[in-house]
Amino acid sequence: MSISWKTALTGTLTVAALGAGAWLVLRMEGEPPAITFSKEVRALGKSTAWGFVAEDKKSGLRQVRAWVRQGEKSTPLFSEDYPGRGTHRREVNLTLDPKALGLADGAATLIVAAQDHSLKNFKGNSVFREIPITIDTEAPRLDILSTQYNVNRGGVGVVAYRLSEPAAITGVTVGDRFFPGFPETAGGSGAHVAFFAIPYDAPAAPAFSLGASDAAGNEVRRAFPVRLLEKVFPADTIDISDRFLAAKLPEFRAGDPSLPADPVAAFLVVNRDWRARDHKRIREACAVSSPTRLWSGPFLQMPNTKNMAGWAQARTYKHNGQIIDRQTHLGLDLASTAGAPVPAANAGTVAFSGDLGIYGQAVIIDHGQGIFSLYGHLSSLGVKPGEHVERGAAVGASGQTGMAGGDHLHFSVLSSGTFVSPAEWLDAHWIADNVTAKLALFGPAH
């Protein structure tokens, strides 16, 4: 069967026409470019890093523009043209300095526009993205109201201060640790309070500073004098018997079947590695705290208990007369009758309830403004995460779960994830002198 040249030519022209039609349809696509921002920005400070990505996967980018509009004035930030159709993605990173750009503090708008190479409507597809912003180049004003800061090693200090505007971040830095500040609504506009700790193992002269940053990133920082009151912490030697290991290791192996077969080696994994892991979990549970102070008055010690171990006690562990480990005990061991009800030390919200490794079954309560309490070695749990508890309400029953040799309550207090001396929080005089007196500096609410 033969095909005439006219038929072949007609077929070729038809294919060419179809190809040209497809090309024309492709070039007349109606999808505009996409613009995504590197981060949400609502304010520009003295110098703000910001960027965006413009993309057009079909006909390619023709041009990208960015500018800031304030009143009747438009100030260009970025402008590029792409004559060919090969540019499908452009990432732009800018550092915006309002004063260098001639912008005044106040309202403004960031605008990004992009156009592609489509033949749609003979001018292509366009996209405009606008972001309302505030130009703010002034740092907050910070006034420290409190003056006396006599803080025990391992204890808590309290600073009362006012800010001239809301802060994105504010609080006290002690060495390399940050303790957030919180608005004190009862103290009126701008009132803030920060509870900060001096860790038991802090250096002899840690640096202290109070700071605040606003939404635009403008920062103010003030040093303030703290008198560190040194403390001598107790020490003890604990004999780890084969009987203790035989009783405890099945519980630990149930949580981690990969523990070494050797009992002493398994104990060391728990006492060292689990301890570090559990403290990390505790810090995570204490990472977010209610901005409102939920507690009131001195904390409550579990009734009819005797403290069997001092806080920050340096413990030396021996097995068959040989030293096998050293750790620090960061709580009080309160002994009563077996299975005794354990009360919440103060009002708050349950931040954690469950198994906590060396602490066994445990509960952590958020008392607001960075203050937490921990209850360990419980035989049963009486509360769930998110539940509000009042001072004295039962959170569980004492026991010997976790690294406990007998029935008791392990009780700890933490300030923004740092263990602190519970004795201060159980002392009505300490509360009155270091918390109530500082808050009174705000005067009556207004």
Protein backbone atom coordinates (compact mmCIF):
# COMPACT_ATOMS: atom_id res chain seq x y z
CA MET A 1 0.00 0.00 0.00
CA SER A 2 1.49 3.36 -1.04
CA ILE A 3 0.85 6.83 0.40
CA SER A 4 0.83 9.84 -1.93
CA TRP A 5 3.09 12.80 -1.26
CA LYS A 6 0.03 15.00 -0.79
CA THR A 7 -1.26 12.72 1.97
CA ALA A 8 2.16 12.61 3.63
CA LEU A 9 2.52 16.39 3.43
CA THR A 10 -0.96 16.87 4.85
CA GLY A 11 -0.08 14.58 7.74
CA THR A 12 3.16 16.44 8.38
CA LEU A 13 1.41 19.78 8.36
CA THR A 14 -1.25 18.41 10.70
CA VAL A 15 1.38 17.19 13.17
CA ALA A 16 3.20 20.52 12.92
CA ALA A 17 -0.05 22.36 13.51
CA LEU A 18 -0.85 20.21 16.48
CA GLY A 19 2.66 20.80 17.86
CA ALA A 20 2.38 24.52 17.35
CA GLY A 21 -1.02 24.47 19.00
CA ALA A 22 0.32 22.57 21.97
CA TRP A 23 3.25 24.98 22.20
CA LEU A 24 0.87 27.93 22.08
CA VAL A 25 -1.37 26.40 24.74
CA LEU A 26 1.69 25.81 26.92
CA ARG A 27 2.90 29.38 26.44
CA MET A 28 -0.56 30.73 27.29
CA GLU A 29 -0.82 28.86 30.60
CA GLY A 30 -2.65 30.79 33.28
CA GLU A 31 -0.90 29.73 36.49
CA PRO A 32 0.81 32.68 38.24
CA PRO A 33 4.21 32.40 39.96
CA ALA A 34 4.33 31.38 43.62
CA ILE A 35 5.93 33.44 46.38
CA THR A 36 6.86 32.00 49.78
CA PHE A 37 8.50 33.86 52.65
CA SER A 38 11.47 32.57 54.64
CA LYS A 39 9.84 33.57 57.92
CA GLU A 40 6.87 35.46 59.25
CA VAL A 41 7.77 39.08 59.85
CA ARG A 42 5.48 41.60 61.49
CA ALA A 43 8.04 44.19 62.59
CA LEU A 44 11.36 45.56 61.39
CA GLY A 45 13.99 46.57 63.93
CA LYS A 46 17.36 48.19 63.46
CA SER A 47 18.46 45.29 61.25
CA THR A 48 16.19 42.42 60.24
CA ALA A 49 17.10 39.39 58.10
CA TRP A 50 14.26 38.45 55.76
CA GLY A 51 13.84 36.68 52.46
CA PHE A 52 11.52 35.03 49.98
CA VAL A 53 11.44 32.54 47.12
CA ALA A 54 9.75 33.25 43.77
CA GLU A 55 8.93 30.22 41.58
CA ASP A 56 7.29 29.52 38.25
CA LYS A 57 7.66 25.90 37.11
CA LYS A 58 5.94 26.33 33.73
CA SER A 59 6.85 29.33 31.58
CA GLY A 60 9.55 30.63 33.93
CA LEU A 61 10.09 33.94 35.73
CA ARG A 62 10.17 37.20 33.75
CA GLN A 63 10.77 39.59 36.63
CA VAL A 64 10.79 39.80 40.44
CA ARG A 65 10.39 42.98 42.47
CA ALA A 66 10.28 43.78 46.18
CA TRP A 67 9.71 47.11 47.88
CA VAL A 68 8.42 48.68 51.07
CA ARG A 69 5.63 51.26 51.04
CA GLN A 70 5.16 53.78 53.82
CA GLY A 71 2.57 56.47 53.28
CA GLU A 72 3.08 57.81 49.76
CA LYS A 73 6.69 56.67 49.60
CA SER A 74 7.81 53.40 47.96
CA THR A 75 11.36 52.25 48.58
CA PRO A 76 12.80 49.50 46.30
CA LEU A 77 14.41 46.50 48.01
CA PHE A 78 15.07 44.12 45.12
CA SER A 79 14.60 44.12 41.32
CA GLU A 80 15.66 41.56 38.68
CA ASP A 81 14.57 40.75 35.11
CA TYR A 82 15.04 37.37 33.38
CA PRO A 83 14.90 37.72 29.56
CA GLY A 84 15.07 33.99 28.86
CA ARG A 85 12.67 31.35 30.05
CA GLY A 86 15.26 29.34 31.96
CA THR A 87 14.82 30.91 35.41
CA HIS A 88 12.17 28.97 37.28
CA ARG A 89 13.24 29.72 40.85
CA ARG A 90 14.85 32.72 42.57
CA GLU A 91 15.75 32.76 46.26
CA VAL A 92 16.28 36.23 47.72
CA ASN A 93 17.80 37.00 51.13
CA LEU A 94 17.80 40.57 52.39
CA THR A 95 18.95 42.48 55.45
CA LEU A 96 16.56 45.35 56.05
CA ASP A 97 17.84 48.43 57.87
CA PRO A 98 14.92 50.87 58.21
CA LYS A 99 17.08 53.90 58.99
CA ALA A 100 19.39 53.24 56.03
CA LEU A 101 16.30 52.94 53.85
CA GLY A 102 14.97 56.26 55.12
CA LEU A 103 11.97 54.70 56.86
CA ALA A 104 10.39 56.16 59.99
CA ASP A 105 9.02 54.23 62.94
CA GLY A 106 5.38 53.36 62.34
CA ALA A 107 3.19 51.36 59.97
CA ALA A 108 4.44 50.15 56.58
CA THR A 109 3.87 47.39 54.03
CA LEU A 110 6.32 44.91 52.50
CA ILE A 111 5.39 44.02 48.91
CA VAL A 112 6.77 41.28 46.65
CA ALA A 113 5.67 40.89 43.02
CA ALA A 114 6.59 38.40 40.28
CA GLN A 115 5.63 37.98 36.62
CA ASP A 116 6.14 34.98 34.33
CA HIS A 117 6.80 34.48 30.57
CA SER A 118 3.30 33.23 29.75
CA LEU A 119 1.57 34.79 26.72
CA LYS A 120 -1.67 34.92 28.68
CA ASN A 121 -3.33 38.30 27.97
CA PHE A 122 -0.09 39.28 26.18
CA LYS A 123 1.49 40.25 29.51
CA GLY A 124 1.82 37.00 31.44
CA ASN A 125 0.66 36.01 34.88
CA SER A 126 1.49 38.13 37.92
CA VAL A 127 1.36 37.71 41.67
CA PHE A 128 1.51 40.33 44.43
CA ARG A 129 2.05 39.54 48.12
CA GLU A 130 1.67 42.24 50.77
CA ILE A 131 2.69 42.06 54.44
CA PRO A 132 1.57 44.77 56.89
CA ILE A 133 4.48 45.53 59.22
CA THR A 134 5.53 47.95 61.92
CA ILE A 135 8.83 49.80 61.77
CA ASP A 136 10.27 49.82 65.30
CA THR A 137 13.90 50.77 65.89
CA GLU A 138 13.66 51.64 69.58
CA ALA A 139 14.50 49.11 72.30
CA PRO A 140 12.04 48.65 75.18
CA ARG A 141 12.64 50.68 78.32
CA LEU A 142 13.42 48.42 81.28
CA ASP A 143 13.10 49.64 84.87
CA ILE A 144 14.25 47.30 87.64
CA LEU A 145 12.16 47.87 90.78
CA SER A 146 13.66 45.35 93.20
CA THR A 147 17.06 45.96 94.78
CA GLN A 148 18.07 43.18 97.19
CA TYR A 149 19.29 39.88 95.73
CA ASN A 150 20.75 37.64 98.40
CA VAL A 151 20.47 34.21 96.79
CA ASN A 152 21.57 30.87 98.18
CA ARG A 153 23.65 28.55 96.06
CA GLY A 154 21.06 26.11 94.76
CA GLY A 155 18.31 28.62 95.55
CA VAL A 156 16.02 31.04 93.74
CA GLY A 157 16.13 34.80 93.29
CA VAL A 158 13.24 37.03 92.27
CA VAL A 159 13.45 40.24 90.25
CA ALA A 160 10.53 42.65 89.75
CA TYR A 161 10.68 45.04 86.78
CA ARG A 162 8.63 47.03 84.28
CA LEU A 163 8.80 47.13 80.49
CA SER A 164 7.57 49.97 78.32
CA GLU A 165 6.12 47.56 75.73
CA PRO A 166 5.28 43.85 75.36
CA ALA A 167 8.35 41.66 75.00
CA ALA A 168 8.87 38.78 72.61
CA ILE A 169 11.56 37.43 74.95
CA THR A 170 12.42 38.59 78.46
CA GLY A 171 14.10 37.12 81.50
CA VAL A 172 17.28 36.59 83.49
CA THR A 173 20.46 34.97 82.24
CA VAL A 174 22.64 33.23 84.82
CA GLY A 175 25.86 32.08 83.20
CA ASP A 176 24.64 30.06 80.22
CA ARG A 177 21.11 29.42 81.57
CA PHE A 178 18.04 31.48 80.74
CA PHE A 179 15.09 31.96 83.10
CA PRO A 180 12.09 33.61 81.42
CA GLY A 181 10.20 36.52 82.92
CA PHE A 182 6.41 36.72 82.94
CA PRO A 183 3.87 39.56 82.90
CA GLU A 184 2.52 40.20 86.39
CA THR A 185 -1.05 41.24 85.61
CA ALA A 186 -1.79 42.21 89.20
CA GLY A 187 0.99 44.79 89.03
CA GLY A 188 -0.44 46.91 86.26
CA SER A 189 0.86 47.80 82.81
CA GLY A 190 4.34 46.52 82.00
CA ALA A 191 4.88 44.73 85.33
CA HIS A 192 7.02 41.59 85.05
CA VAL A 193 8.54 39.08 87.44
CA ALA A 194 11.34 36.58 86.82
CA PHE A 195 12.32 33.68 89.07
CA PHE A 196 15.94 32.73 88.47
CA ALA A 197 18.08 30.01 89.99
CA ILE A 198 21.71 29.71 90.94
CA PRO A 199 22.41 26.03 90.21
CA TYR A 200 24.04 24.04 93.00
CA ASP A 201 27.07 23.50 90.71
CA ALA A 202 27.31 27.08 89.37
CA PRO A 203 30.77 28.71 89.27
CA ALA A 204 31.86 30.90 92.17
CA ALA A 205 30.96 34.15 90.40
CA PRO A 206 28.32 33.59 87.71
CA ALA A 207 27.27 36.58 85.59
CA PHE A 208 23.70 37.86 85.97
CA SER A 209 21.74 40.02 83.56
CA LEU A 210 18.11 40.94 82.91
CA GLY A 211 17.02 41.55 79.36
CA ALA A 212 14.11 41.99 76.98
CA SER A 213 13.64 41.91 73.21
CA ASP A 214 10.60 43.26 71.40
CA ALA A 215 8.91 41.83 68.30
CA ALA A 216 11.29 43.77 66.05
CA GLY A 217 14.36 42.28 67.74
CA ASN A 218 15.41 45.44 69.58
CA GLU A 219 17.11 44.38 72.82
CA VAL A 220 17.80 45.99 76.17
CA ARG A 221 19.94 44.35 78.85
CA ARG A 222 20.80 45.35 82.41
CA ALA A 223 23.28 43.86 84.83
CA PHE A 224 22.17 43.66 88.45
CA PRO A 225 24.14 42.76 91.57
CA VAL A 226 23.50 39.39 93.21
CA ARG A 227 25.09 38.33 96.46
CA LEU A 228 25.71 34.60 96.25
CA LEU A 229 25.36 32.93 99.65
CA GLU A 230 27.51 29.81 99.62
CA LYS A 231 26.11 26.56 101.01
CA VAL A 232 27.74 23.32 102.10
CA PHE A 233 25.77 20.39 100.79
CA PRO A 234 25.59 17.00 102.55
CA ALA A 235 27.31 13.83 101.40
CA ASP A 236 26.47 10.18 101.86
CA THR A 237 27.70 6.73 100.89
CA ILE A 238 25.18 4.20 99.61
CA ASP A 239 25.94 0.48 99.53
CA ILE A 240 24.42 -1.26 96.53
CA SER A 241 23.80 -4.81 97.68
CA ASP A 242 23.25 -7.86 95.51
CA ARG A 243 19.83 -8.15 97.12
CA PHE A 244 18.92 -4.63 95.96
CA LEU A 245 20.12 -5.40 92.44
CA ALA A 246 18.16 -8.65 92.31
CA ALA A 247 15.01 -6.82 93.43
CA LYS A 248 15.35 -3.80 91.13
CA LEU A 249 16.88 -5.04 87.89
CA PRO A 250 13.76 -6.92 86.68
CA GLU A 251 11.87 -3.60 86.84
CA PHE A 252 14.60 -1.84 84.90
CA ARG A 253 14.98 -4.65 82.33
CA ALA A 254 11.25 -4.46 81.66
CA GLY A 255 11.87 -0.87 80.56
CA ASP A 256 15.00 -1.75 78.58
CA PRO A 257 15.69 -5.43 77.79
CA SER A 258 19.09 -4.47 76.31
CA LEU A 259 20.61 -3.70 79.73
CA PRO A 260 23.91 -5.57 80.31
CA ALA A 261 23.66 -9.03 81.83
CA ASP A 262 26.13 -8.10 84.57
CA PRO A 263 24.08 -6.64 87.47
CA VAL A 264 26.57 -3.91 88.38
CA ALA A 265 27.01 -2.86 84.75
CA ALA A 266 23.21 -2.73 84.36
CA PHE A 267 22.91 -0.61 87.52
CA LEU A 268 25.46 1.86 86.18
CA VAL A 269 23.57 2.25 82.90
CA VAL A 270 20.44 3.08 84.87
CA ASN A 271 22.13 5.32 87.45
CA ARG A 272 24.15 7.27 84.87
CA ASP A 273 22.54 7.10 81.43
CA TRP A 274 18.93 6.87 82.55
CA ARG A 275 19.48 9.70 85.02
CA ALA A 276 20.76 11.99 82.24
CA ARG A 277 17.91 10.91 79.96
CA ASP A 278 15.30 11.43 82.70
CA HIS A 279 16.63 14.88 83.55
CA LYS A 280 16.32 15.80 79.87
CA ARG A 281 12.68 14.63 79.93
CA ILE A 282 12.10 16.71 83.06
CA ARG A 283 13.52 19.81 81.38
CA GLU A 284 11.25 19.19 78.40
CA ALA A 285 8.22 18.88 80.71
CA CYS A 286 9.22 22.20 82.31
CA ALA A 287 9.91 23.99 79.02
CA VAL A 288 6.46 25.62 78.87
CA SER A 289 4.89 27.16 81.96
CA SER A 290 1.69 29.06 82.59
CA PRO A 291 2.38 32.82 82.44
CA THR A 292 0.00 33.21 85.39
CA ARG A 293 1.17 32.42 88.92
CA LEU A 294 -1.05 29.51 90.00
CA TRP A 295 0.40 28.94 93.47
CA SER A 296 -0.11 30.92 96.65
CA GLY A 297 1.73 30.86 99.98
CA PRO A 298 4.29 28.32 101.18
CA PHE A 299 4.43 24.89 99.58
CA LEU A 300 3.07 21.94 101.52
CA GLN A 301 5.32 19.13 102.71
CA MET A 302 3.78 15.67 102.67
CA PRO A 303 2.26 15.28 106.18
CA ASN A 304 3.85 13.13 108.87
CA THR A 305 7.08 12.63 106.93
CA LYS A 306 10.71 12.61 107.87
CA ASN A 307 13.37 13.79 105.44
CA MET A 308 15.76 10.89 104.87
CA ALA A 309 18.17 12.68 102.51
CA GLY A 310 19.37 16.25 102.06
CA TRP A 311 19.01 18.24 98.87
CA ALA A 312 22.04 18.36 96.52
CA GLN A 313 23.48 15.47 98.52
CA ALA A 314 26.69 14.12 96.97
CA ARG A 315 26.23 10.37 96.85
CA THR A 316 29.00 7.81 96.54
CA TYR A 317 27.78 4.37 95.47
CA LYS A 318 29.70 1.27 96.58
CA HIS A 319 29.35 -2.41 95.72
CA ASN A 320 31.28 -4.98 97.78
CA GLY A 321 33.33 -2.13 99.26
CA GLN A 322 34.38 -0.69 95.88
CA ILE A 323 33.29 2.75 94.62
CA ILE A 324 31.30 2.26 91.42
CA ASP A 325 29.61 5.63 90.87
CA ARG A 326 29.01 9.18 92.10
CA GLN A 327 25.84 11.21 91.56
CA THR A 328 24.01 14.16 93.11
CA HIS A 329 20.58 13.72 94.68
CA LEU A 330 18.37 16.65 93.67
CA GLY A 331 15.37 16.34 95.95
CA LEU A 332 14.10 15.44 99.40
CA ASP A 333 13.31 11.84 100.35
CA LEU A 334 10.20 12.04 102.52
CA ALA A 335 9.28 8.82 104.34
CA SER A 336 5.90 8.05 105.90
CA THR A 337 3.79 4.91 105.97
CA ALA A 338 3.73 2.67 102.90
CA GLY A 339 1.31 3.79 100.22
CA ALA A 340 0.58 7.10 101.96
CA PRO A 341 -1.38 9.73 99.97
CA VAL A 342 0.90 12.30 98.33
CA PRO A 343 -0.54 15.84 98.25
CA ALA A 344 0.15 18.51 95.65
CA ALA A 345 2.54 20.97 97.29
CA ASN A 346 0.59 23.87 95.80
CA ALA A 347 -2.02 24.63 93.17
CA GLY A 348 -1.12 24.10 89.55
CA THR A 349 -1.58 22.12 86.36
CA VAL A 350 -0.23 18.60 85.82
CA ALA A 351 2.57 18.80 83.25
CA PHE A 352 3.56 15.11 83.38
CA SER A 353 2.18 11.89 84.79
CA GLY A 354 3.74 8.54 83.98
CA ASP A 355 6.91 6.47 84.13
CA LEU A 356 10.08 8.53 84.57
CA GLY A 357 12.95 6.06 84.71
CA ILE A 358 14.95 6.36 87.92
CA TYR A 359 12.06 8.33 89.47
CA GLY A 360 9.64 5.50 88.75
CA GLN A 361 6.03 6.53 88.45
CA ALA A 362 6.08 10.30 88.78
CA VAL A 363 4.04 13.48 88.55
CA ILE A 364 5.25 16.97 87.61
CA ILE A 365 3.07 20.00 88.40
CA ASP A 366 3.37 23.41 86.73
CA HIS A 367 2.71 26.12 89.32
CA GLY A 368 3.09 28.93 86.80
CA GLN A 369 5.83 31.45 85.97
CA GLY A 370 8.46 28.72 85.64
CA ILE A 371 8.00 27.01 89.02
CA PHE A 372 7.41 23.22 89.01
CA SER A 373 7.30 20.43 91.59
CA LEU A 374 8.12 16.74 91.03
CA TYR A 375 6.83 13.70 92.94
CA GLY A 376 8.72 10.45 92.33
CA HIS A 377 8.73 6.73 93.27
CA LEU A 378 4.92 6.67 93.43
CA SER A 379 3.11 3.35 93.73
CA SER A 380 0.09 4.76 91.91
CA LEU A 381 -0.84 7.86 89.91
CA GLY A 382 -3.93 9.89 90.77
CA VAL A 383 -3.82 12.66 88.14
CA LYS A 384 -3.51 13.08 84.38
CA PRO A 385 -1.61 15.66 82.27
CA GLY A 386 -3.55 18.88 81.87
CA GLU A 387 -5.57 18.39 85.05
CA HIS A 388 -5.76 21.30 87.49
CA VAL A 389 -4.99 20.43 91.12
CA GLU A 390 -5.43 22.44 94.28
CA ARG A 391 -2.93 22.61 97.12
CA GLY A 392 -3.23 19.41 99.17
CA ALA A 393 -5.09 17.39 96.53
CA ALA A 394 -3.82 13.81 96.22
CA VAL A 395 -1.66 13.23 93.13
CA GLY A 396 -0.81 9.59 93.92
CA ALA A 397 0.51 7.34 96.67
CA SER A 398 4.08 6.89 97.93
CA GLY A 399 5.98 3.81 96.81
CA GLN A 400 9.34 2.41 95.75
CA THR A 401 9.20 2.44 91.95
CA GLY A 402 12.33 3.49 90.09
CA MET A 403 15.66 3.77 91.92
CA ALA A 404 14.15 3.50 95.42
CA GLY A 405 15.17 1.01 98.08
CA GLY A 406 12.09 1.57 100.22
CA ASP A 407 8.70 3.25 100.26
CA HIS A 408 9.05 7.06 100.23
CA LEU A 409 8.36 10.20 98.21
CA HIS A 410 11.09 11.89 96.19
CA PHE A 411 10.11 15.58 96.18
CA SER A 412 11.83 18.18 93.98
CA VAL A 413 11.22 21.81 93.04
CA LEU A 414 12.44 23.29 89.77
CA SER A 415 12.74 26.80 88.35
CA SER A 416 12.40 26.69 84.55
CA GLY A 417 13.86 23.18 84.47
CA THR A 418 16.68 23.78 86.97
CA PHE A 419 16.51 21.85 90.25
CA VAL A 420 16.43 24.17 93.27
CA SER A 421 16.27 23.72 97.02
CA PRO A 422 12.75 22.66 98.09
CA ALA A 423 13.40 24.00 101.61
CA GLU A 424 12.95 27.59 100.43
CA TRP A 425 9.51 26.88 98.98
CA LEU A 426 8.39 25.10 102.15
CA ASP A 427 9.39 28.16 104.25
CA ALA A 428 6.69 30.82 104.77
CA HIS A 429 9.31 33.41 105.82
CA TRP A 430 11.35 32.86 102.64
CA ILE A 431 8.21 33.25 100.52
CA ALA A 432 7.26 36.46 102.32
CA ASP A 433 10.73 38.02 102.09
CA ASN A 434 11.71 36.95 98.57
CA VAL A 435 8.45 36.75 96.65
CA THR A 436 5.63 38.63 98.37
CA ALA A 437 7.82 41.63 99.22
CA LYS A 438 9.10 41.88 95.63
CA LEU A 439 5.62 41.73 94.14
CA ALA A 440 4.45 44.47 96.56
CA LEU A 441 6.85 46.84 94.76
CA PHE A 442 4.37 47.05 91.89
CA GLY A 443 1.83 48.67 94.17
CA PRO A 444 -1.92 48.15 93.76
CA ALA A 445 -3.25 46.90 90.45
CA HIS A 446 -4.23 49.61 87.99
